[in-house]
Structures are given as C-alpha cells and as structure tokens.
C-alpha cells in the first residue's frame, strides 16, 4: 500500500540567539507600554477637567474602583467556563 512507511522523526526547531531574545523582549515591552500608558494619563486629565477642587481625592479613588472592576472581570473570565462545565 505504502512505498515508504511514515517516519516518526521529530525535527528540533533552530535555537534563537540572545539578540533575538533581547529584541523580542523589547518589542513586548513596547507593546505593553503603548497599550497601558495612555490610560492613566487620560484618566488624570479627565479628573482634572471634571472636578479640579477635589483632584487629590478623585485621583486616589479612581484607581481603586478600576482595580475592583478589573478584578471582577478577571473573576468572571475564570468563572464562566467553570460554571459552563458544571451546568452540563
């Protein structure tokens, strides 16, 4: 049926050097900074526009509320598949 039997040899991928690793880490850091940096700057500007007299209080409350909301979102992402499996 087959002229040659299928082989099960595993081909190892080529190793990358330190230069590739450094460029990859730098690129990931740049992407993270591009995504994360505008949010706190924009938040500070908006708080200053909304209530300039209570900036210090608002600047301390806003990150706490953001942390609470993002924590809830992370819990939801983890809980939805678990409850989905349990409901079946």
PDB file of N, CA and C in Angstrom:
ATOM      1  N   UNK A   1       0.819  -1.178   0.000  1.00  0.00           N
ATOM      2  CA  UNK A   1       0.000   0.000   0.000  1.00  0.00           C
ATOM      3  C   UNK A   1       0.878   1.263   0.000  1.00  0.00           C
ATOM      4  N   UNK A   2       1.780   1.372   0.982  1.00  0.00           N
ATOM      5  CA  UNK A   2       2.710   2.497   1.021  1.00  0.00           C
ATOM      6  C   UNK A   2       4.073   2.029   0.540  1.00  0.00           C
ATOM      7  N   UNK A   3       4.721   2.877  -0.253  1.00  0.00           N
ATOM      8  CA  UNK A   3       6.072   2.537  -0.656  1.00  0.00           C
ATOM      9  C   UNK A   3       7.048   2.691   0.504  1.00  0.00           C
ATOM     10  N   UNK A   4       6.834   3.740   1.268  1.00  0.00           N
ATOM     11  CA  UNK A   4       7.696   4.004   2.420  1.00  0.00           C
ATOM     12  C   UNK A   4       6.812   4.178   3.644  1.00  0.00           C
ATOM     13  N   UNK A   5       7.225   3.609   4.716  1.00  0.00           N
ATOM     14  CA  UNK A   5       6.467   3.767   5.967  1.00  0.00           C
ATOM     15  C   UNK A   5       6.627   5.195   6.473  1.00  0.00           C
ATOM     16  N   UNK A   6       5.568   5.763   7.054  1.00  0.00           N
ATOM     17  CA  UNK A   6       5.686   7.123   7.596  1.00  0.00           C
ATOM     18  C   UNK A   6       6.717   7.161   8.726  1.00  0.00           C
ATOM     19  N   UNK A   7       7.502   8.204   8.755  1.00  0.00           N
ATOM     20  CA  UNK A   7       8.537   8.316   9.788  1.00  0.00           C
ATOM     21  C   UNK A   7       7.997   9.080  10.980  1.00  0.00           C
ATOM     22  N   UNK A   8       8.564   8.792  12.105  1.00  0.00           N
ATOM     23  CA  UNK A   8       8.155   9.484  13.338  1.00  0.00           C
ATOM     24  C   UNK A   8       9.292  10.324  13.881  1.00  0.00           C
ATOM     25  N   UNK A   9      10.213  10.711  13.023  1.00  0.00           N
ATOM     26  CA  UNK A   9      11.336  11.532  13.464  1.00  0.00           C
ATOM     27  C   UNK A   9      10.839  12.927  13.825  1.00  0.00           C
ATOM     28  N   UNK A  10      11.345  13.420  14.923  1.00  0.00           N
ATOM     29  CA  UNK A  10      10.997  14.770  15.356  1.00  0.00           C
ATOM     30  C   UNK A  10      12.105  15.722  14.932  1.00  0.00           C
ATOM     31  N   UNK A  11      11.712  16.809  14.327  1.00  0.00           N
ATOM     32  CA  UNK A  11      12.672  17.815  13.898  1.00  0.00           C
ATOM     33  C   UNK A  11      12.702  18.895  14.966  1.00  0.00           C
ATOM     34  N   UNK A  12      13.871  19.136  15.502  1.00  0.00           N
ATOM     35  CA  UNK A  12      14.008  20.166  16.535  1.00  0.00           C
ATOM     36  C   UNK A  12      14.098  21.532  15.874  1.00  0.00           C
ATOM     37  N   UNK A  13      13.377  22.513  16.376  1.00  0.00           N
ATOM     38  CA  UNK A  13      13.486  23.858  15.808  1.00  0.00           C
ATOM     39  C   UNK A  13      14.850  24.464  16.122  1.00  0.00           C
ATOM     40  N   UNK A  14      15.255  25.392  15.291  1.00  0.00           N
ATOM     41  CA  UNK A  14      16.543  26.047  15.490  1.00  0.00           C
ATOM     42  C   UNK A  14      16.503  26.904  16.753  1.00  0.00           C
ATOM     43  N   UNK A  15      17.592  26.952  17.464  1.00  0.00           N
ATOM     44  CA  UNK A  15      17.682  27.770  18.674  1.00  0.00           C
ATOM     45  C   UNK A  15      17.853  29.237  18.275  1.00  0.00           C
ATOM     46  N   UNK A  16      17.294  30.104  19.074  1.00  0.00           N
ATOM     47  CA  UNK A  16      17.457  31.533  18.823  1.00  0.00           C
ATOM     48  C   UNK A  16      18.589  32.053  19.696  1.00  0.00           C
ATOM     49  N   UNK A  17      19.202  33.102  19.232  1.00  0.00           N
ATOM     50  CA  UNK A  17      20.325  33.678  19.962  1.00  0.00           C
ATOM     51  C   UNK A  17      19.882  34.761  20.936  1.00  0.00           C
ATOM     52  N   UNK A  18      20.813  35.285  21.698  1.00  0.00           N
ATOM     53  CA  UNK A  18      20.493  36.330  22.672  1.00  0.00           C
ATOM     54  C   UNK A  18      19.986  37.615  22.019  1.00  0.00           C
ATOM     55  N   UNK A  19      20.447  37.927  20.824  1.00  0.00           N
ATOM     56  CA  UNK A  19      19.991  39.145  20.150  1.00  0.00           C
ATOM     57  C   UNK A  19      18.504  39.045  19.819  1.00  0.00           C
ATOM     58  N   UNK A  20      18.067  37.898  19.316  1.00  0.00           N
ATOM     59  CA  UNK A  20      16.648  37.711  19.027  1.00  0.00           C
ATOM     60  C   UNK A  20      15.824  37.830  20.302  1.00  0.00           C
ATOM     61  N   UNK A  21      16.289  37.197  21.359  1.00  0.00           N
ATOM     62  CA  UNK A  21      15.575  37.245  22.631  1.00  0.00           C
ATOM     63  C   UNK A  21      15.466  38.680  23.150  1.00  0.00           C
ATOM     64  N   UNK A  22      16.547  39.460  23.058  1.00  0.00           N
ATOM     65  CA  UNK A  22      16.538  40.849  23.519  1.00  0.00           C
ATOM     66  C   UNK A  22      15.562  41.691  22.695  1.00  0.00           C
ATOM     67  N   UNK A  23      15.570  41.509  21.390  1.00  0.00           N
ATOM     68  CA  UNK A  23      14.650  42.262  20.525  1.00  0.00           C
ATOM     69  C   UNK A  23      13.202  41.876  20.819  1.00  0.00           C
ATOM     70  N   UNK A  24      12.953  40.586  21.054  1.00  0.00           N
ATOM     71  CA  UNK A  24      11.600  40.113  21.354  1.00  0.00           C
ATOM     72  C   UNK A  24      11.094  40.700  22.674  1.00  0.00           C
ATOM     73  N   UNK A  25      11.940  40.693  23.699  1.00  0.00           N
ATOM     74  CA  UNK A  25      11.552  41.263  24.995  1.00  0.00           C
ATOM     75  C   UNK A  25      11.296  42.758  24.854  1.00  0.00           C
ATOM     76  N   UNK A  26      12.137  43.450  24.146  1.00  0.00           N
ATOM     77  CA  UNK A  26      11.960  44.893  23.939  1.00  0.00           C
ATOM     78  C   UNK A  26      10.669  45.180  23.178  1.00  0.00           C
ATOM     79  N   UNK A  27      10.362  44.381  22.181  1.00  0.00           N
ATOM     80  CA  UNK A  27       9.125  44.580  21.420  1.00  0.00           C
ATOM     81  C   UNK A  27       7.901  44.346  22.296  1.00  0.00           C
ATOM     82  N   UNK A  28       7.929  43.313  23.122  1.00  0.00           N
ATOM     83  CA  UNK A  28       6.784  43.053  24.012  1.00  0.00           C
ATOM     84  C   UNK A  28       6.625  44.176  25.033  1.00  0.00           C
ATOM     85  N   UNK A  29       7.734  44.697  25.554  1.00  0.00           N
ATOM     86  CA  UNK A  29       7.676  45.819  26.477  1.00  0.00           C
ATOM     87  C   UNK A  29       7.094  47.042  25.794  1.00  0.00           C
ATOM     88  N   UNK A  30       7.494  47.305  24.556  1.00  0.00           N
ATOM     89  CA  UNK A  30       6.967  48.453  23.812  1.00  0.00           C
ATOM     90  C   UNK A  30       5.467  48.333  23.579  1.00  0.00           C
ATOM     91  N   UNK A  31       5.013  47.145  23.237  1.00  0.00           N
ATOM     92  CA  UNK A  31       3.577  46.941  23.031  1.00  0.00           C
ATOM     93  C   UNK A  31       2.826  47.169  24.336  1.00  0.00           C
ATOM     94  N   UNK A  32       3.356  46.643  25.434  1.00  0.00           N
ATOM     95  CA  UNK A  32       2.713  46.822  26.734  1.00  0.00           C
ATOM     96  C   UNK A  32       2.642  48.308  27.109  1.00  0.00           C
ATOM     97  N   UNK A  33       3.715  49.051  26.867  1.00  0.00           N
ATOM     98  CA  UNK A  33       3.724  50.480  27.168  1.00  0.00           C
ATOM     99  C   UNK A  33       2.742  51.234  26.274  1.00  0.00           C
ATOM    100  N   UNK A  34       2.653  50.871  25.022  1.00  0.00           N
ATOM    101  CA  UNK A  34       1.742  51.551  24.106  1.00  0.00           C
ATOM    102  C   UNK A  34       0.286  51.339  24.506  1.00  0.00           C
ATOM    103  N   UNK A  35      -0.012  50.171  25.057  1.00  0.00           N
ATOM    104  CA  UNK A  35      -1.388  49.886  25.457  1.00  0.00           C
ATOM    105  C   UNK A  35      -1.692  50.465  26.833  1.00  0.00           C
ATOM    106  N   UNK A  36      -0.745  50.377  27.755  1.00  0.00           N
ATOM    107  CA  UNK A  36      -1.009  50.728  29.151  1.00  0.00           C
ATOM    108  C   UNK A  36      -0.808  52.201  29.474  1.00  0.00           C
ATOM    109  N   UNK A  37       0.076  52.880  28.813  1.00  0.00           N
ATOM    110  CA  UNK A  37       0.425  54.239  29.202  1.00  0.00           C
ATOM    111  C   UNK A  37      -0.670  55.277  28.984  1.00  0.00           C
ATOM    112  N   UNK A  38      -1.413  55.268  27.900  1.00  0.00           N
ATOM    113  CA  UNK A  38      -2.406  56.331  27.703  1.00  0.00           C
ATOM    114  C   UNK A  38      -3.519  56.354  28.745  1.00  0.00           C
ATOM    115  N   UNK A  39      -3.850  55.235  29.334  1.00  0.00           N
ATOM    116  CA  UNK A  39      -4.982  55.179  30.262  1.00  0.00           C
ATOM    117  C   UNK A  39      -4.783  56.029  31.514  1.00  0.00           C
ATOM    118  N   UNK A  40      -3.688  55.926  32.261  1.00  0.00           N
ATOM    119  CA  UNK A  40      -3.568  56.766  33.452  1.00  0.00           C
ATOM    120  C   UNK A  40      -3.410  58.251  33.131  1.00  0.00           C
ATOM    121  N   UNK A  41      -2.773  58.559  32.006  1.00  0.00           N
ATOM    122  CA  UNK A  41      -2.629  59.965  31.630  1.00  0.00           C
ATOM    123  C   UNK A  41      -3.985  60.555  31.285  1.00  0.00           C
ATOM    124  N   UNK A  42      -4.769  59.848  30.504  1.00  0.00           N
ATOM    125  CA  UNK A  42      -6.099  60.324  30.142  1.00  0.00           C
ATOM    126  C   UNK A  42      -6.998  60.417  31.367  1.00  0.00           C
ATOM    127  N   UNK A  43      -6.896  59.458  32.267  1.00  0.00           N
ATOM    128  CA  UNK A  43      -7.691  59.481  33.493  1.00  0.00           C
ATOM    129  C   UNK A  43      -7.359  60.713  34.324  1.00  0.00           C
ATOM    130  N   UNK A  44      -6.081  61.037  34.466  1.00  0.00           N
ATOM    131  CA  UNK A  44      -5.679  62.216  35.241  1.00  0.00           C
ATOM    132  C   UNK A  44      -6.193  63.501  34.596  1.00  0.00           C
ATOM    133  N   UNK A  45      -6.135  63.584  33.272  1.00  0.00           N
ATOM    134  CA  UNK A  45      -6.639  64.784  32.593  1.00  0.00           C
ATOM    135  C   UNK A  45      -8.151  64.932  32.760  1.00  0.00           C
ATOM    136  N   UNK A  46      -8.873  63.823  32.638  1.00  0.00           N
ATOM    137  CA  UNK A  46     -10.337  63.878  32.774  1.00  0.00           C
ATOM    138  C   UNK A  46     -10.754  64.236  34.201  1.00  0.00           C
ATOM    139  N   UNK A  47     -10.063  63.706  35.182  1.00  0.00           N
ATOM    140  CA  UNK A  47     -10.387  64.047  36.577  1.00  0.00           C
ATOM    141  C   UNK A  47     -10.126  65.523  36.829  1.00  0.00           C
ATOM    142  N   UNK A  48      -9.048  66.058  36.266  1.00  0.00           N
ATOM    143  CA  UNK A  48      -8.749  67.486  36.427  1.00  0.00           C
ATOM    144  C   UNK A  48      -9.808  68.351  35.763  1.00  0.00           C
ATOM    145  N   UNK A  49     -10.396  67.898  34.668  1.00  0.00           N
ATOM    146  CA  UNK A  49     -11.439  68.667  33.993  1.00  0.00           C
ATOM    147  C   UNK A  49     -12.765  68.594  34.742  1.00  0.00           C
ATOM    148  N   UNK A  50     -13.076  67.432  35.288  1.00  0.00           N
ATOM    149  CA  UNK A  50     -14.375  67.253  35.940  1.00  0.00           C
ATOM    150  C   UNK A  50     -14.450  67.985  37.273  1.00  0.00           C
ATOM    151  N   UNK A  51     -13.466  67.757  38.138  1.00  0.00           N
ATOM    152  CA  UNK A  51     -13.504  68.376  39.461  1.00  0.00           C
ATOM    153  C   UNK A  51     -12.136  68.836  39.901  1.00  0.00           C
ATOM    154  N   UNK A  52     -11.716  70.031  39.471  1.00  0.00           N
ATOM    155  CA  UNK A  52     -10.369  70.482  39.806  1.00  0.00           C
ATOM    156  C   UNK A  52     -10.139  70.675  41.307  1.00  0.00           C
ATOM    157  N   UNK A  53     -11.203  70.954  42.077  1.00  0.00           N
ATOM    158  CA  UNK A  53     -11.005  71.194  43.508  1.00  0.00           C
ATOM    159  C   UNK A  53     -10.802  69.908  44.303  1.00  0.00           C
ATOM    160  N   UNK A  54     -11.292  68.794  43.814  1.00  0.00           N
ATOM    161  CA  UNK A  54     -11.143  67.528  44.537  1.00  0.00           C
ATOM    162  C   UNK A  54     -10.249  66.541  43.809  1.00  0.00           C
ATOM    163  N   UNK A  55      -9.210  67.061  43.144  1.00  0.00           N
ATOM    164  CA  UNK A  55      -8.357  66.186  42.325  1.00  0.00           C
ATOM    165  C   UNK A  55      -7.672  65.107  43.157  1.00  0.00           C
ATOM    166  N   UNK A  56      -7.163  65.469  44.328  1.00  0.00           N
ATOM    167  CA  UNK A  56      -6.390  64.507  45.119  1.00  0.00           C
ATOM    168  C   UNK A  56      -7.262  63.328  45.541  1.00  0.00           C
ATOM    169  N   UNK A  57      -8.472  63.613  45.977  1.00  0.00           N
ATOM    170  CA  UNK A  57      -9.377  62.537  46.386  1.00  0.00           C
ATOM    171  C   UNK A  57      -9.774  61.690  45.187  1.00  0.00           C
ATOM    172  N   UNK A  58     -10.119  62.342  44.089  1.00  0.00           N
ATOM    173  CA  UNK A  58     -10.544  61.610  42.896  1.00  0.00           C
ATOM    174  C   UNK A  58      -9.416  60.762  42.330  1.00  0.00           C
ATOM    175  N   UNK A  59      -8.182  61.283  42.366  1.00  0.00           N
ATOM    176  CA  UNK A  59      -7.047  60.511  41.864  1.00  0.00           C
ATOM    177  C   UNK A  59      -6.787  59.280  42.724  1.00  0.00           C
ATOM    178  N   UNK A  60      -7.150  59.323  43.990  1.00  0.00           N
ATOM    179  CA  UNK A  60      -6.930  58.152  44.836  1.00  0.00           C
ATOM    180  C   UNK A  60      -8.087  57.156  44.752  1.00  0.00           C
ATOM    181  N   UNK A  61      -9.284  57.620  44.472  1.00  0.00           N
ATOM    182  CA  UNK A  61     -10.446  56.721  44.390  1.00  0.00           C
ATOM    183  C   UNK A  61     -10.506  56.009  43.037  1.00  0.00           C
ATOM    184  N   UNK A  62     -10.204  56.708  41.965  1.00  0.00           N
ATOM    185  CA  UNK A  62     -10.352  56.141  40.617  1.00  0.00           C
ATOM    186  C   UNK A  62      -9.546  54.863  40.400  1.00  0.00           C
ATOM    187  N   UNK A  63      -8.270  54.787  40.781  1.00  0.00           N
ATOM    188  CA  UNK A  63      -7.563  53.509  40.574  1.00  0.00           C
ATOM    189  C   UNK A  63      -8.137  52.366  41.412  1.00  0.00           C
ATOM    190  N   UNK A  64      -8.635  52.687  42.601  1.00  0.00           N
ATOM    191  CA  UNK A  64      -9.245  51.643  43.425  1.00  0.00           C
ATOM    192  C   UNK A  64     -10.494  51.075  42.791  1.00  0.00           C
ATOM    193  N   UNK A  65     -11.312  51.942  42.235  1.00  0.00           N
ATOM    194  CA  UNK A  65     -12.515  51.481  41.549  1.00  0.00           C
ATOM    195  C   UNK A  65     -12.132  50.686  40.294  1.00  0.00           C
ATOM    196  N   UNK A  66     -11.129  51.156  39.564  1.00  0.00           N
ATOM    197  CA  UNK A  66     -10.665  50.420  38.388  1.00  0.00           C
ATOM    198  C   UNK A  66     -10.134  49.051  38.747  1.00  0.00           C
ATOM    199  N   UNK A  67      -9.404  48.966  39.863  1.00  0.00           N
ATOM    200  CA  UNK A  67      -8.884  47.675  40.309  1.00  0.00           C
ATOM    201  C   UNK A  67     -10.023  46.741  40.677  1.00  0.00           C
ATOM    202  N   UNK A  68     -11.040  47.275  41.346  1.00  0.00           N
ATOM    203  CA  UNK A  68     -12.186  46.452  41.740  1.00  0.00           C
ATOM    204  C   UNK A  68     -12.924  45.936  40.508  1.00  0.00           C
ATOM    205  N   UNK A  69     -13.151  46.810  39.537  1.00  0.00           N
ATOM    206  CA  UNK A  69     -13.862  46.408  38.321  1.00  0.00           C
ATOM    207  C   UNK A  69     -13.047  45.403  37.520  1.00  0.00           C
ATOM    208  N   UNK A  70     -11.741  45.647  37.378  1.00  0.00           N
ATOM    209  CA  UNK A  70     -10.920  44.709  36.610  1.00  0.00           C
ATOM    210  C   UNK A  70     -10.784  43.386  37.342  1.00  0.00           C
ATOM    211  N   UNK A  71     -10.735  43.416  38.660  1.00  0.00           N
ATOM    212  CA  UNK A  71     -10.706  42.176  39.429  1.00  0.00           C
ATOM    213  C   UNK A  71     -11.970  41.371  39.228  1.00  0.00           C
ATOM    214  N   UNK A  72     -13.097  42.054  39.176  1.00  0.00           N
ATOM    215  CA  UNK A  72     -14.364  41.383  38.921  1.00  0.00           C
ATOM    216  C   UNK A  72     -14.380  40.786  37.519  1.00  0.00           C
ATOM    217  N   UNK A  73     -13.820  41.503  36.552  1.00  0.00           N
ATOM    218  CA  UNK A  73     -13.774  40.998  35.181  1.00  0.00           C
ATOM    219  C   UNK A  73     -12.897  39.754  35.090  1.00  0.00           C
ATOM    220  N   UNK A  74     -11.785  39.754  35.788  1.00  0.00           N
ATOM    221  CA  UNK A  74     -10.908  38.586  35.777  1.00  0.00           C
ATOM    222  C   UNK A  74     -11.616  37.393  36.406  1.00  0.00           C
ATOM    223  N   UNK A  75     -12.309  37.631  37.494  1.00  0.00           N
ATOM    224  CA  UNK A  75     -13.057  36.543  38.129  1.00  0.00           C
ATOM    225  C   UNK A  75     -14.140  36.019  37.198  1.00  0.00           C
ATOM    226  N   UNK A  76     -14.796  36.910  36.458  1.00  0.00           N
ATOM    227  CA  UNK A  76     -15.841  36.478  35.530  1.00  0.00           C
ATOM    228  C   UNK A  76     -15.253  35.635  34.401  1.00  0.00           C
ATOM    229  N   UNK A  77     -14.094  36.046  33.888  1.00  0.00           N
ATOM    230  CA  UNK A  77     -13.453  35.278  32.821  1.00  0.00           C
ATOM    231  C   UNK A  77     -13.106  33.876  33.314  1.00  0.00           C
ATOM    232  N   UNK A  78     -12.697  33.768  34.563  1.00  0.00           N
ATOM    233  CA  UNK A  78     -12.357  32.451  35.115  1.00  0.00           C
ATOM    234  C   UNK A  78     -13.608  31.658  35.475  1.00  0.00           C
ATOM    235  N   UNK A  79     -14.665  32.340  35.938  1.00  0.00           N
ATOM    236  CA  UNK A  79     -15.839  31.632  36.441  1.00  0.00           C
ATOM    237  C   UNK A  79     -16.766  31.143  35.335  1.00  0.00           C
ATOM    238  N   UNK A  80     -16.866  31.853  34.237  1.00  0.00           N
ATOM    239  CA  UNK A  80     -17.811  31.476  33.185  1.00  0.00           C
ATOM    240  C   UNK A  80     -17.539  30.071  32.642  1.00  0.00           C
ATOM    241  N   UNK A  81     -16.312  29.725  32.276  1.00  0.00           N
ATOM    242  CA  UNK A  81     -16.098  28.352  31.803  1.00  0.00           C
ATOM    243  C   UNK A  81     -16.363  27.302  32.884  1.00  0.00           C
ATOM    244  N   UNK A  82     -16.009  27.614  34.124  1.00  0.00           N
ATOM    245  CA  UNK A  82     -16.230  26.648  35.202  1.00  0.00           C
ATOM    246  C   UNK A  82     -17.715  26.379  35.410  1.00  0.00           C
ATOM    247  N   UNK A  83     -18.505  27.435  35.444  1.00  0.00           N
ATOM    248  CA  UNK A  83     -19.947  27.236  35.613  1.00  0.00           C
ATOM    249  C   UNK A  83     -20.577  26.635  34.364  1.00  0.00           C
ATOM    250  N   UNK A  84     -20.009  26.916  33.195  1.00  0.00           N
ATOM    251  CA  UNK A  84     -20.499  26.310  31.968  1.00  0.00           C
ATOM    252  C   UNK A  84     -20.305  24.793  31.975  1.00  0.00           C
ATOM    253  N   UNK A  85     -19.149  24.356  32.418  1.00  0.00           N
ATOM    254  CA  UNK A  85     -18.882  22.926  32.510  1.00  0.00           C
ATOM    255  C   UNK A  85     -19.786  22.288  33.556  1.00  0.00           C
ATOM    256  N   UNK A  86     -19.964  22.977  34.679  1.00  0.00           N
ATOM    257  CA  UNK A  86     -20.785  22.433  35.770  1.00  0.00           C
ATOM    258  C   UNK A  86     -22.255  22.331  35.372  1.00  0.00           C
ATOM    259  N   UNK A  87     -22.727  23.230  34.517  1.00  0.00           N
ATOM    260  CA  UNK A  87     -24.150  23.229  34.168  1.00  0.00           C
ATOM    261  C   UNK A  87     -24.515  22.119  33.185  1.00  0.00           C
ATOM    262  N   UNK A  88     -23.521  21.534  32.536  1.00  0.00           N
ATOM    263  CA  UNK A  88     -23.832  20.496  31.538  1.00  0.00           C
ATOM    264  C   UNK A  88     -24.051  19.166  32.142  1.00  0.00           C
TER     265      UNK A  88
END
